[in-house]
Each structure stands twice: as C-alpha cells, then as structure tokens.
N, C-alpha and C. Protein backbone atom coordinates (compact mmCIF):
# COMPACT_ATOMS: atom_id res chain seq x y z
N UNK A 1 6.80 -48.95 51.57
CA UNK A 1 6.46 -48.39 50.29
C UNK A 1 6.68 -46.89 50.28
N UNK A 2 6.44 -46.27 51.44
CA UNK A 2 6.60 -44.82 51.57
C UNK A 2 8.04 -44.41 51.33
N UNK A 3 8.97 -45.17 51.77
CA UNK A 3 10.38 -44.88 51.61
C UNK A 3 10.76 -44.94 50.14
N UNK A 4 10.20 -45.87 49.45
CA UNK A 4 10.53 -46.03 48.04
C UNK A 4 10.05 -44.82 47.22
N UNK A 5 8.85 -44.30 47.53
CA UNK A 5 8.32 -43.14 46.81
C UNK A 5 9.19 -41.92 47.09
N UNK A 6 9.61 -41.74 48.33
CA UNK A 6 10.48 -40.61 48.67
C UNK A 6 11.82 -40.72 47.94
N UNK A 7 12.36 -41.90 47.82
CA UNK A 7 13.62 -42.09 47.11
C UNK A 7 13.47 -41.74 45.63
N UNK A 8 12.35 -42.14 45.06
CA UNK A 8 12.11 -41.83 43.64
C UNK A 8 11.95 -40.33 43.47
N UNK A 9 11.25 -39.68 44.37
CA UNK A 9 11.05 -38.24 44.31
C UNK A 9 12.38 -37.50 44.38
N UNK A 10 13.23 -37.93 45.25
CA UNK A 10 14.55 -37.29 45.38
C UNK A 10 15.36 -37.45 44.12
N UNK A 11 15.31 -38.63 43.53
CA UNK A 11 16.07 -38.87 42.30
C UNK A 11 15.53 -38.00 41.15
N UNK A 12 14.20 -37.91 41.07
CA UNK A 12 13.60 -37.11 40.00
C UNK A 12 13.85 -35.62 40.24
N UNK A 13 13.80 -35.19 41.47
CA UNK A 13 13.98 -33.76 41.77
C UNK A 13 15.38 -33.28 41.43
N UNK A 14 16.34 -34.18 41.32
CA UNK A 14 17.68 -33.77 40.90
C UNK A 14 17.67 -33.28 39.46
N UNK A 15 16.78 -33.85 38.65
CA UNK A 15 16.73 -33.50 37.24
C UNK A 15 15.78 -32.32 36.94
N UNK A 16 14.90 -32.03 37.85
CA UNK A 16 13.94 -30.94 37.66
C UNK A 16 14.52 -29.68 38.25
N UNK A 17 14.61 -28.64 37.43
CA UNK A 17 15.16 -27.37 37.91
C UNK A 17 14.01 -26.46 38.30
N UNK A 18 14.15 -25.78 39.37
CA UNK A 18 13.14 -24.84 39.82
C UNK A 18 13.55 -23.41 39.48
N UNK A 19 14.65 -23.27 38.83
CA UNK A 19 15.14 -21.95 38.44
C UNK A 19 14.54 -21.59 37.07
N UNK A 20 13.83 -20.46 37.00
CA UNK A 20 13.16 -20.07 35.76
C UNK A 20 13.82 -18.87 35.11
N UNK A 21 15.06 -18.60 35.44
CA UNK A 21 15.74 -17.47 34.82
C UNK A 21 15.90 -17.73 33.32
N UNK A 22 15.61 -16.71 32.52
CA UNK A 22 15.80 -16.82 31.08
C UNK A 22 14.56 -17.27 30.32
N UNK A 23 13.52 -17.69 31.03
CA UNK A 23 12.32 -18.15 30.31
C UNK A 23 11.62 -17.00 29.60
N UNK A 24 11.68 -15.81 30.19
CA UNK A 24 11.07 -14.66 29.53
C UNK A 24 11.78 -14.33 28.22
N UNK A 25 13.07 -14.49 28.21
CA UNK A 25 13.84 -14.23 27.00
C UNK A 25 13.48 -15.23 25.90
N UNK A 26 13.29 -16.47 26.27
CA UNK A 26 12.90 -17.49 25.30
C UNK A 26 11.49 -17.19 24.77
N UNK A 27 10.58 -16.82 25.66
CA UNK A 27 9.23 -16.47 25.23
C UNK A 27 9.24 -15.27 24.29
N UNK A 28 10.05 -14.28 24.62
CA UNK A 28 10.18 -13.10 23.76
C UNK A 28 10.73 -13.48 22.39
N UNK A 29 11.71 -14.36 22.38
CA UNK A 29 12.28 -14.79 21.10
C UNK A 29 11.26 -15.54 20.25
N UNK A 30 10.33 -16.22 20.88
CA UNK A 30 9.29 -16.93 20.14
C UNK A 30 8.19 -16.01 19.64
N UNK A 31 7.84 -15.00 20.42
CA UNK A 31 6.72 -14.13 20.10
C UNK A 31 7.12 -12.93 19.23
N UNK A 32 8.36 -12.47 19.35
CA UNK A 32 8.79 -11.25 18.66
C UNK A 32 8.63 -11.31 17.13
N UNK A 33 8.99 -12.39 16.44
CA UNK A 33 8.78 -12.40 14.99
C UNK A 33 7.31 -12.25 14.59
N UNK A 34 6.42 -12.81 15.37
CA UNK A 34 4.99 -12.68 15.07
C UNK A 34 4.55 -11.24 15.27
N UNK A 35 5.00 -10.59 16.34
CA UNK A 35 4.65 -9.20 16.59
C UNK A 35 5.20 -8.27 15.50
N UNK A 36 6.43 -8.51 15.08
CA UNK A 36 7.02 -7.70 14.01
C UNK A 36 6.26 -7.89 12.71
N UNK A 37 5.86 -9.11 12.41
CA UNK A 37 5.09 -9.37 11.19
C UNK A 37 3.73 -8.68 11.24
N UNK A 38 3.07 -8.71 12.38
CA UNK A 38 1.78 -8.02 12.52
C UNK A 38 1.95 -6.52 12.38
N UNK A 39 2.99 -5.96 12.97
CA UNK A 39 3.26 -4.53 12.85
C UNK A 39 3.53 -4.15 11.39
N UNK A 40 4.35 -4.94 10.71
CA UNK A 40 4.69 -4.65 9.32
C UNK A 40 3.45 -4.75 8.43
N UNK A 41 2.61 -5.74 8.66
CA UNK A 41 1.40 -5.89 7.86
C UNK A 41 0.44 -4.73 8.08
N UNK A 42 0.32 -4.27 9.31
CA UNK A 42 -0.54 -3.12 9.61
C UNK A 42 -0.01 -1.87 8.94
N UNK A 43 1.28 -1.64 9.04
CA UNK A 43 1.88 -0.46 8.42
C UNK A 43 1.74 -0.51 6.90
N UNK A 44 1.94 -1.67 6.31
CA UNK A 44 1.84 -1.82 4.86
C UNK A 44 0.41 -1.61 4.38
N UNK A 45 -0.57 -2.13 5.12
CA UNK A 45 -1.96 -1.91 4.75
C UNK A 45 -2.31 -0.43 4.82
N UNK A 46 -1.84 0.24 5.84
CA UNK A 46 -2.07 1.68 5.97
C UNK A 46 -1.46 2.47 4.83
N UNK A 47 -0.23 2.13 4.46
CA UNK A 47 0.42 2.81 3.33
C UNK A 47 -0.31 2.55 2.02
N UNK A 48 -0.75 1.31 1.81
CA UNK A 48 -1.47 0.97 0.58
C UNK A 48 -2.78 1.75 0.51
N UNK A 49 -3.53 1.80 1.62
CA UNK A 49 -4.79 2.54 1.64
C UNK A 49 -4.55 4.02 1.41
N UNK A 50 -3.51 4.58 2.01
CA UNK A 50 -3.17 5.99 1.79
C UNK A 50 -2.84 6.24 0.32
N UNK A 51 -2.06 5.36 -0.29
CA UNK A 51 -1.69 5.51 -1.71
C UNK A 51 -2.93 5.47 -2.59
N UNK A 52 -3.81 4.50 -2.35
CA UNK A 52 -5.01 4.38 -3.17
C UNK A 52 -5.91 5.60 -3.00
N UNK A 53 -6.12 6.05 -1.77
CA UNK A 53 -7.02 7.20 -1.56
C UNK A 53 -6.42 8.48 -2.15
N UNK A 54 -5.10 8.62 -2.11
CA UNK A 54 -4.45 9.79 -2.73
C UNK A 54 -4.62 9.75 -4.24
N UNK A 55 -4.46 8.57 -4.84
CA UNK A 55 -4.66 8.44 -6.28
C UNK A 55 -6.11 8.71 -6.67
N UNK A 56 -7.05 8.24 -5.88
CA UNK A 56 -8.46 8.49 -6.17
C UNK A 56 -8.79 9.98 -6.08
N UNK A 57 -8.26 10.67 -5.08
CA UNK A 57 -8.48 12.11 -4.96
C UNK A 57 -7.85 12.86 -6.12
N UNK A 58 -6.68 12.41 -6.54
CA UNK A 58 -6.00 13.07 -7.66
C UNK A 58 -6.79 12.91 -8.96
N UNK A 59 -7.33 11.71 -9.19
CA UNK A 59 -8.12 11.52 -10.42
C UNK A 59 -9.40 12.33 -10.37
N UNK A 60 -10.00 12.48 -9.20
CA UNK A 60 -11.20 13.33 -9.08
C UNK A 60 -10.87 14.78 -9.39
N UNK A 61 -9.73 15.25 -8.89
CA UNK A 61 -9.32 16.63 -9.18
C UNK A 61 -9.07 16.81 -10.68
N UNK A 62 -8.44 15.83 -11.31
CA UNK A 62 -8.20 15.91 -12.75
C UNK A 62 -9.48 15.87 -13.55
N UNK A 63 -10.41 15.01 -13.16
CA UNK A 63 -11.70 14.93 -13.86
C UNK A 63 -12.50 16.21 -13.67
N UNK A 64 -12.48 16.76 -12.48
CA UNK A 64 -13.18 18.02 -12.21
C UNK A 64 -12.60 19.15 -13.07
N UNK A 65 -11.28 19.17 -13.19
CA UNK A 65 -10.61 20.17 -14.02
C UNK A 65 -11.01 20.01 -15.48
N UNK A 66 -11.05 18.77 -15.96
CA UNK A 66 -11.33 18.52 -17.38
C UNK A 66 -12.80 18.73 -17.74
N UNK A 67 -13.71 18.73 -16.77
CA UNK A 67 -15.13 18.93 -17.10
C UNK A 67 -15.40 20.34 -17.58
N UNK A 68 -14.56 21.28 -17.23
CA UNK A 68 -14.79 22.67 -17.63
C UNK A 68 -13.86 23.13 -18.75
N UNK A 69 -13.05 22.25 -19.28
CA UNK A 69 -12.09 22.61 -20.33
C UNK A 69 -12.36 21.78 -21.57
N UNK A 70 -12.01 22.33 -22.76
CA UNK A 70 -12.09 21.50 -23.95
C UNK A 70 -11.03 20.40 -23.89
N UNK A 71 -11.38 19.23 -24.36
CA UNK A 71 -10.45 18.10 -24.30
C UNK A 71 -9.50 18.20 -25.49
N UNK A 72 -8.36 18.82 -25.26
CA UNK A 72 -7.29 18.85 -26.27
C UNK A 72 -5.97 18.61 -25.57
N UNK A 73 -4.89 18.56 -26.34
CA UNK A 73 -3.61 18.16 -25.78
C UNK A 73 -3.09 19.16 -24.74
N UNK A 74 -3.39 20.45 -24.90
CA UNK A 74 -2.92 21.45 -23.93
C UNK A 74 -3.53 21.21 -22.56
N UNK A 75 -4.84 21.05 -22.53
CA UNK A 75 -5.52 20.86 -21.25
C UNK A 75 -5.32 19.45 -20.70
N UNK A 76 -5.10 18.48 -21.58
CA UNK A 76 -4.79 17.13 -21.09
C UNK A 76 -3.46 17.15 -20.34
N UNK A 77 -2.47 17.85 -20.88
CA UNK A 77 -1.17 17.96 -20.21
C UNK A 77 -1.29 18.65 -18.86
N UNK A 78 -2.09 19.72 -18.81
CA UNK A 78 -2.29 20.44 -17.55
C UNK A 78 -3.04 19.56 -16.54
N UNK A 79 -4.00 18.78 -17.03
CA UNK A 79 -4.73 17.88 -16.14
C UNK A 79 -3.81 16.78 -15.61
N UNK A 80 -2.92 16.28 -16.47
CA UNK A 80 -1.96 15.27 -16.01
C UNK A 80 -1.05 15.86 -14.94
N UNK A 81 -0.60 17.10 -15.13
CA UNK A 81 0.23 17.75 -14.11
C UNK A 81 -0.55 17.92 -12.81
N UNK A 82 -1.82 18.27 -12.92
CA UNK A 82 -2.66 18.44 -11.73
C UNK A 82 -2.80 17.11 -10.97
N UNK A 83 -2.98 16.03 -11.70
CA UNK A 83 -3.14 14.72 -11.06
C UNK A 83 -1.83 14.28 -10.41
N UNK A 84 -0.71 14.43 -11.12
CA UNK A 84 0.56 13.90 -10.63
C UNK A 84 1.19 14.79 -9.57
N UNK A 85 1.17 16.11 -9.80
CA UNK A 85 1.90 17.02 -8.91
C UNK A 85 1.00 17.91 -8.06
N UNK A 86 -0.31 17.91 -8.32
CA UNK A 86 -1.20 18.76 -7.56
C UNK A 86 -1.19 20.19 -8.05
N UNK A 87 -0.54 20.45 -9.19
CA UNK A 87 -0.43 21.79 -9.74
C UNK A 87 -0.43 21.67 -11.26
N UNK A 88 -1.31 22.39 -11.92
CA UNK A 88 -1.42 22.27 -13.37
C UNK A 88 -0.24 22.87 -14.13
N UNK A 89 0.54 23.73 -13.48
CA UNK A 89 1.67 24.37 -14.16
C UNK A 89 3.01 23.73 -13.81
N UNK A 90 3.00 22.52 -13.30
CA UNK A 90 4.23 21.87 -12.85
C UNK A 90 5.13 21.45 -14.00
N UNK A 91 4.58 21.17 -15.16
CA UNK A 91 5.39 20.79 -16.32
C UNK A 91 6.04 19.42 -16.20
N UNK A 92 5.38 18.47 -15.61
CA UNK A 92 5.89 17.08 -15.44
C UNK A 92 7.25 17.04 -14.76
N UNK A 93 7.43 17.89 -13.77
CA UNK A 93 8.64 17.85 -12.95
C UNK A 93 8.27 18.32 -11.55
N UNK A 94 8.97 17.85 -10.59
CA UNK A 94 8.70 18.22 -9.21
C UNK A 94 8.39 17.00 -8.37
N UNK A 95 7.83 17.26 -7.21
CA UNK A 95 7.51 16.18 -6.27
C UNK A 95 6.09 15.69 -6.53
N UNK A 96 5.97 14.43 -6.87
CA UNK A 96 4.66 13.84 -7.15
C UNK A 96 3.90 13.62 -5.85
N UNK A 97 2.56 13.60 -5.95
CA UNK A 97 1.73 13.39 -4.76
C UNK A 97 1.91 11.98 -4.20
N UNK A 98 2.30 11.04 -5.07
CA UNK A 98 2.60 9.67 -4.66
C UNK A 98 3.93 9.30 -5.30
N UNK A 99 4.82 8.70 -4.53
CA UNK A 99 6.14 8.32 -5.02
C UNK A 99 6.02 7.44 -6.26
N UNK A 100 6.85 7.72 -7.26
CA UNK A 100 6.95 6.98 -8.52
C UNK A 100 5.77 7.20 -9.47
N UNK A 101 4.88 8.12 -9.18
CA UNK A 101 3.80 8.45 -10.11
C UNK A 101 4.34 9.46 -11.13
N UNK A 102 4.12 9.16 -12.42
CA UNK A 102 4.59 10.05 -13.49
C UNK A 102 3.40 10.38 -14.40
N UNK A 103 3.60 11.39 -15.24
CA UNK A 103 2.53 11.83 -16.15
C UNK A 103 2.08 10.72 -17.09
N UNK A 104 2.97 9.80 -17.43
CA UNK A 104 2.61 8.70 -18.33
C UNK A 104 1.60 7.75 -17.69
N UNK A 105 1.46 7.77 -16.37
CA UNK A 105 0.50 6.91 -15.69
C UNK A 105 -0.93 7.45 -15.75
N UNK A 106 -1.09 8.70 -16.19
CA UNK A 106 -2.41 9.32 -16.21
C UNK A 106 -3.00 9.20 -17.61
N UNK A 107 -4.18 8.61 -17.69
CA UNK A 107 -4.88 8.42 -18.97
C UNK A 107 -6.18 9.21 -18.92
N UNK A 108 -6.37 10.10 -19.90
CA UNK A 108 -7.57 10.93 -19.96
C UNK A 108 -8.33 10.58 -21.23
N UNK A 109 -9.63 10.31 -21.07
CA UNK A 109 -10.44 9.88 -22.20
C UNK A 109 -11.77 10.63 -22.19
N UNK A 110 -12.17 11.09 -23.36
CA UNK A 110 -13.49 11.70 -23.51
C UNK A 110 -14.32 10.79 -24.41
N UNK A 111 -15.51 10.47 -23.98
CA UNK A 111 -16.39 9.65 -24.80
C UNK A 111 -17.82 10.16 -24.64
N UNK A 112 -18.67 9.69 -25.51
CA UNK A 112 -20.06 10.11 -25.49
C UNK A 112 -20.93 8.93 -25.06
N UNK A 113 -21.74 9.17 -24.04
CA UNK A 113 -22.68 8.18 -23.56
C UNK A 113 -24.07 8.79 -23.67
N UNK A 114 -24.90 8.20 -24.52
CA UNK A 114 -26.25 8.72 -24.78
C UNK A 114 -26.20 10.17 -25.23
N UNK A 115 -25.20 10.51 -26.02
CA UNK A 115 -25.08 11.87 -26.56
C UNK A 115 -24.45 12.86 -25.61
N UNK A 116 -24.20 12.48 -24.35
CA UNK A 116 -23.61 13.39 -23.37
C UNK A 116 -22.11 13.12 -23.27
N UNK A 117 -21.28 14.18 -23.31
CA UNK A 117 -19.84 13.96 -23.20
C UNK A 117 -19.45 13.58 -21.76
N UNK A 118 -18.62 12.56 -21.65
CA UNK A 118 -18.14 12.06 -20.36
C UNK A 118 -16.61 12.09 -20.39
N UNK A 119 -16.01 12.58 -19.30
CA UNK A 119 -14.55 12.60 -19.18
C UNK A 119 -14.15 11.60 -18.10
N UNK A 120 -13.20 10.74 -18.44
CA UNK A 120 -12.67 9.76 -17.49
C UNK A 120 -11.18 9.97 -17.32
N UNK A 121 -10.75 10.13 -16.08
CA UNK A 121 -9.32 10.27 -15.76
C UNK A 121 -8.94 9.02 -14.96
N UNK A 122 -7.93 8.30 -15.45
CA UNK A 122 -7.53 7.03 -14.83
C UNK A 122 -6.03 7.01 -14.56
N UNK A 123 -5.66 6.26 -13.54
CA UNK A 123 -4.25 5.96 -13.28
C UNK A 123 -4.03 4.54 -13.79
N UNK A 124 -3.08 4.38 -14.70
CA UNK A 124 -2.80 3.06 -15.28
C UNK A 124 -1.33 2.71 -15.07
N UNK A 125 -1.05 1.43 -14.99
CA UNK A 125 0.31 0.89 -14.89
C UNK A 125 1.12 1.52 -13.75
N UNK A 126 0.48 1.80 -12.64
CA UNK A 126 1.21 2.32 -11.47
C UNK A 126 1.43 1.17 -10.50
N UNK A 127 2.69 0.88 -10.19
CA UNK A 127 3.03 -0.23 -9.31
C UNK A 127 3.32 0.28 -7.90
N UNK A 128 2.60 -0.26 -6.94
CA UNK A 128 2.80 0.09 -5.54
C UNK A 128 4.13 -0.48 -5.06
N UNK A 129 4.93 0.34 -4.39
CA UNK A 129 6.23 -0.09 -3.86
C UNK A 129 6.13 -0.25 -2.33
N UNK A 130 6.08 -1.48 -1.83
CA UNK A 130 5.94 -1.68 -0.39
C UNK A 130 7.25 -1.45 0.36
N UNK A 131 7.13 -1.09 1.63
CA UNK A 131 8.32 -0.98 2.50
C UNK A 131 8.78 -2.36 2.94
N UNK A 132 7.82 -3.19 3.35
CA UNK A 132 8.11 -4.54 3.81
C UNK A 132 7.58 -5.52 2.77
N UNK A 133 8.41 -5.92 1.84
CA UNK A 133 7.97 -6.81 0.78
C UNK A 133 8.19 -8.26 1.20
N UNK A 134 7.10 -8.98 1.40
CA UNK A 134 7.20 -10.38 1.83
C UNK A 134 7.89 -11.24 0.77
N UNK A 135 7.77 -10.87 -0.49
CA UNK A 135 8.43 -11.62 -1.55
C UNK A 135 9.94 -11.58 -1.42
N UNK A 136 10.48 -10.41 -1.09
CA UNK A 136 11.93 -10.29 -0.91
C UNK A 136 12.38 -10.99 0.38
N UNK A 137 11.59 -10.85 1.41
CA UNK A 137 11.97 -11.45 2.70
C UNK A 137 11.99 -12.97 2.64
N UNK A 138 11.03 -13.54 1.91
CA UNK A 138 10.94 -14.99 1.87
C UNK A 138 11.58 -15.59 0.62
N UNK A 139 11.94 -14.76 -0.35
CA UNK A 139 12.54 -15.25 -1.58
C UNK A 139 11.53 -15.83 -2.55
N UNK A 140 10.26 -15.53 -2.33
CA UNK A 140 9.18 -16.05 -3.19
C UNK A 140 8.51 -14.89 -3.91
N UNK A 141 8.51 -14.91 -5.23
CA UNK A 141 7.90 -13.82 -5.99
C UNK A 141 6.37 -13.85 -5.91
N UNK A 142 5.80 -14.98 -5.55
CA UNK A 142 4.34 -15.06 -5.45
C UNK A 142 3.81 -14.32 -4.22
N UNK A 143 4.65 -14.09 -3.22
CA UNK A 143 4.24 -13.36 -2.02
C UNK A 143 4.55 -11.88 -2.11
N UNK A 144 4.99 -11.42 -3.25
CA UNK A 144 5.37 -10.02 -3.39
C UNK A 144 4.16 -9.11 -3.24
N UNK A 145 4.37 -7.98 -2.58
CA UNK A 145 3.30 -7.01 -2.39
C UNK A 145 3.34 -5.91 -3.44
N UNK A 146 4.18 -6.08 -4.45
CA UNK A 146 4.20 -5.12 -5.56
C UNK A 146 3.01 -5.42 -6.46
N UNK A 147 2.00 -4.56 -6.39
CA UNK A 147 0.79 -4.75 -7.17
C UNK A 147 0.47 -3.47 -7.92
N UNK A 148 -0.25 -3.62 -9.02
CA UNK A 148 -0.70 -2.46 -9.77
C UNK A 148 -1.89 -1.84 -9.04
N UNK A 149 -1.81 -0.53 -8.86
CA UNK A 149 -2.87 0.22 -8.21
C UNK A 149 -3.47 1.14 -9.27
N UNK A 150 -4.75 1.11 -9.39
CA UNK A 150 -5.41 1.98 -10.35
C UNK A 150 -6.60 2.67 -9.72
N UNK A 151 -6.77 3.92 -10.08
CA UNK A 151 -7.94 4.66 -9.63
C UNK A 151 -8.51 5.35 -10.85
N UNK A 152 -9.80 5.59 -10.84
CA UNK A 152 -10.45 6.20 -11.98
C UNK A 152 -11.61 7.05 -11.51
N UNK A 153 -11.81 8.18 -12.18
CA UNK A 153 -12.95 9.06 -11.90
C UNK A 153 -13.59 9.46 -13.21
N UNK A 154 -14.90 9.41 -13.24
CA UNK A 154 -15.66 9.78 -14.44
C UNK A 154 -16.66 10.86 -14.06
N UNK A 155 -16.69 11.93 -14.89
CA UNK A 155 -17.62 13.03 -14.66
C UNK A 155 -18.18 13.50 -16.00
N UNK A 156 -19.36 14.12 -15.95
CA UNK A 156 -19.96 14.69 -17.15
C UNK A 156 -19.19 15.94 -17.55
N UNK A 157 -18.98 16.05 -18.84
CA UNK A 157 -18.29 17.22 -19.38
C UNK A 157 -19.29 18.37 -19.49
N UNK A 158 -18.92 19.54 -18.99
CA UNK A 158 -19.85 20.66 -18.94
C UNK A 158 -19.95 21.43 -20.25
N UNK A 159 -18.94 21.33 -21.11
CA UNK A 159 -18.95 22.09 -22.36
C UNK A 159 -19.57 21.34 -23.51
C-alpha cells in the first residue's frame, strides 16, 4: 500500500508547481484598484470639505461686511465681490476663492425678525466639480459627485 501512495504523490507532484515567481505581481494587480479608489475617495472628500469651509468663511466675511453697511445695490455688489474674490473692489473679475464661483452665486437678503434687521449672505446654485468623478468613470450619472454646495451666514444688522 505504501508504494501505491508514493506513486500517487509523484504523479500529483508533477502538476503542483513550487515556483511562486509572479504571485506578488498578481496580488498587486488585484489590490491596486482598491488602493487607488481609496486614495481618490480620500482626496475628493478633502477637496469637498475644503470647498465647503472656504464658502462658509466667505459668506461670514460678506455677512460681517453687510452688518455695518446700508443694504443697497452698491454695497451688495461690494459684498458679492468680497465673498467671491476676497476683495470688495474686485469688480466681479479676477481669481475667485473657489474655482467656478461667480458673483451670481451670491445671494444677499435683509429681513426683519422681531423688528430687528437680519442680513443673510448665501451661496446658491454652486456646483462642486470633482477631480475623480465616479459617474464619468463608471458611465452612471447616479454616481456622479457633482453636487450643489451651499453655505449661508446670518448676522444682525448693526444700522
């Protein structure tokens, strides 16, 4: 019986390779797409958070500016320039604090709450432009990372 087991082992060992060259390359090929996807998702989340926090800071600066000014078209335009370009004298031209942000995206509203004037500065209809858009990569528009980002700041009007 012992001879028979040895014969079977020899026959099977012909088909089993003990050479493992190239297995690391196969493992890398299997793992690399997952690592790239994780890296892209992390980078995209960071960019989205940066965009949102920049928009929120810009609306706060615009609201702070408008609390000390009368709400009219002259100061609204200057506040829009301050929100979009970081400078009230920019004249709706120059480098925006966030790519693709324009003066038309800034909405300024004055209203009265319990008799007190309130100024609200909002970013409306601003679409985030991702670097790694899953919708384009997969051909599915439902997975697109192009989303509307809005920020708003409300402060009491001092005048």
